Amino acid sequence: MVTHDDVAALIREFLSLGAQVELSPDSPLEAVPGWDSLSWINILNAIQDRHHKDLPLDAVARVRTLGDLVDLVNAT
């Protein structure tokens, strides 16, 4: 099972964020500092590679928050 902390750590890694940036399950992804479409693609690819998941694009398009992303990864 992928946790909120797993995904938050991956986002912090890809966006070079410090611990001072709060990433809660309710955090809107587009509000994360440094978030853009390229980072989104890179983060999705990393999640799929590290957790051996194939995330459906239609479901990815509905992801708005960090919690949504964690739920999608665990449901796949």
C-alpha atoms as a PDB file:
ATOM      1  CA  MET A   1       0.000   0.000   0.000  1.00  0.00           C
ATOM      2  CA  VAL A   2       1.288   3.417  -0.961  1.00  0.00           C
ATOM      3  CA  THR A   3       0.983   6.022   1.763  1.00  0.00           C
ATOM      4  CA  HIS A   4       0.536   9.764   1.750  1.00  0.00           C
ATOM      5  CA  ASP A   5       4.093  10.058   3.066  1.00  0.00           C
ATOM      6  CA  ASP A   6       5.434   7.945   0.153  1.00  0.00           C
ATOM      7  CA  VAL A   7       3.850  10.178  -2.460  1.00  0.00           C
ATOM      8  CA  ALA A   8       4.668  13.390  -0.581  1.00  0.00           C
ATOM      9  CA  ALA A   9       8.328  12.316  -0.406  1.00  0.00           C
ATOM     10  CA  LEU A  10       8.378  11.653  -4.132  1.00  0.00           C
ATOM     11  CA  ILE A  11       6.839  15.071  -4.861  1.00  0.00           C
ATOM     12  CA  ARG A  12       9.365  16.729  -2.544  1.00  0.00           C
ATOM     13  CA  GLU A  13      12.183  14.921  -4.355  1.00  0.00           C
ATOM     14  CA  PHE A  14      11.052  15.871  -7.864  1.00  0.00           C
ATOM     15  CA  LEU A  15      10.259  19.482  -6.993  1.00  0.00           C
ATOM     16  CA  SER A  16      13.194  19.955  -4.596  1.00  0.00           C
ATOM     17  CA  LEU A  17      10.857  21.038  -1.812  1.00  0.00           C
ATOM     18  CA  GLY A  18      11.920  21.418   1.776  1.00  0.00           C
ATOM     19  CA  ALA A  19      10.037  20.127   4.785  1.00  0.00           C
ATOM     20  CA  GLN A  20       8.564  23.578   5.363  1.00  0.00           C
ATOM     21  CA  VAL A  21       6.160  23.049   2.428  1.00  0.00           C
ATOM     22  CA  GLU A  22       3.114  21.293   3.846  1.00  0.00           C
ATOM     23  CA  LEU A  23       1.747  18.434   1.755  1.00  0.00           C
ATOM     24  CA  SER A  24      -1.432  17.093   3.306  1.00  0.00           C
ATOM     25  CA  PRO A  25      -3.974  14.765   1.695  1.00  0.00           C
ATOM     26  CA  ASP A  26      -6.155  17.821   1.003  1.00  0.00           C
ATOM     27  CA  SER A  27      -3.356  19.782  -0.681  1.00  0.00           C
ATOM     28  CA  PRO A  28      -4.354  20.775  -4.226  1.00  0.00           C
ATOM     29  CA  LEU A  29      -1.547  19.611  -6.487  1.00  0.00           C
ATOM     30  CA  GLU A  30      -1.626  22.715  -8.671  1.00  0.00           C
ATOM     31  CA  ALA A  31      -0.924  24.826  -5.550  1.00  0.00           C
ATOM     32  CA  VAL A  32       2.322  22.964  -4.768  1.00  0.00           C
ATOM     33  CA  PRO A  33       5.301  25.275  -5.419  1.00  0.00           C
ATOM     34  CA  GLY A  34       6.984  24.418  -8.715  1.00  0.00           C
ATOM     35  CA  TRP A  35       4.072  22.304  -9.946  1.00  0.00           C
ATOM     36  CA  ASP A  36       3.588  22.263 -13.709  1.00  0.00           C
ATOM     37  CA  SER A  37       2.566  19.814 -16.403  1.00  0.00           C
ATOM     38  CA  LEU A  38       6.089  18.464 -16.877  1.00  0.00           C
ATOM     39  CA  SER A  39       6.540  17.802 -13.163  1.00  0.00           C
ATOM     40  CA  TRP A  40       3.126  16.086 -13.133  1.00  0.00           C
ATOM     41  CA  ILE A  41       4.212  13.737 -15.937  1.00  0.00           C
ATOM     42  CA  ASN A  42       7.540  13.014 -14.244  1.00  0.00           C
ATOM     43  CA  ILE A  43       5.864  12.322 -10.901  1.00  0.00           C
ATOM     44  CA  LEU A  44       3.285  10.023 -12.504  1.00  0.00           C
ATOM     45  CA  ASN A  45       6.019   8.120 -14.335  1.00  0.00           C
ATOM     46  CA  ALA A  46       8.029   7.747 -11.130  1.00  0.00           C
ATOM     47  CA  ILE A  47       5.006   6.462  -9.219  1.00  0.00           C
ATOM     48  CA  GLN A  48       4.244   3.948 -11.959  1.00  0.00           C
ATOM     49  CA  ASP A  49       7.868   2.776 -12.104  1.00  0.00           C
ATOM     50  CA  ARG A  50       8.498   2.574  -8.363  1.00  0.00           C
ATOM     51  CA  HIS A  51       5.198   0.965  -7.466  1.00  0.00           C
ATOM     52  CA  HIS A  52       4.666  -1.127 -10.619  1.00  0.00           C
ATOM     53  CA  LYS A  53       1.335   0.528 -11.379  1.00  0.00           C
ATOM     54  CA  ASP A  54      -0.356   1.437 -14.635  1.00  0.00           C
ATOM     55  CA  LEU A  55      -2.476   4.488 -13.874  1.00  0.00           C
ATOM     56  CA  PRO A  56      -5.386   4.975 -16.302  1.00  0.00           C
ATOM     57  CA  LEU A  57      -5.282   8.386 -17.969  1.00  0.00           C
ATOM     58  CA  ASP A  58      -8.997   9.031 -17.480  1.00  0.00           C
ATOM     59  CA  ALA A  59      -8.579   8.543 -13.725  1.00  0.00           C
ATOM     60  CA  VAL A  60      -5.382  10.623 -13.639  1.00  0.00           C
ATOM     61  CA  ALA A  61      -7.303  13.494 -15.253  1.00  0.00           C
ATOM     62  CA  ARG A  62      -9.659  13.556 -12.242  1.00  0.00           C
ATOM     63  CA  VAL A  63      -6.872  13.824  -9.642  1.00  0.00           C
ATOM     64  CA  ARG A  64      -6.951  17.187  -7.870  1.00  0.00           C
ATOM     65  CA  THR A  65      -5.342  16.609  -4.468  1.00  0.00           C
ATOM     66  CA  LEU A  66      -2.526  14.601  -2.990  1.00  0.00           C
ATOM     67  CA  GLY A  67      -5.139  12.376  -1.347  1.00  0.00           C
ATOM     68  CA  ASP A  68      -6.793  11.762  -4.728  1.00  0.00           C
ATOM     69  CA  LEU A  69      -3.431  10.646  -6.109  1.00  0.00           C
ATOM     70  CA  VAL A  70      -2.758   8.271  -3.222  1.00  0.00           C
ATOM     71  CA  ASP A  71      -6.263   6.811  -3.540  1.00  0.00           C
ATOM     72  CA  LEU A  72      -5.774   6.265  -7.279  1.00  0.00           C
ATOM     73  CA  VAL A  73      -2.431   4.534  -6.822  1.00  0.00           C
ATOM     74  CA  ASN A  74      -3.873   2.224  -4.170  1.00  0.00           C
ATOM     75  CA  ALA A  75      -6.985   1.459  -6.237  1.00  0.00           C
ATOM     76  CA  THR A  76      -4.973   0.406  -9.273  1.00  0.00           C
END
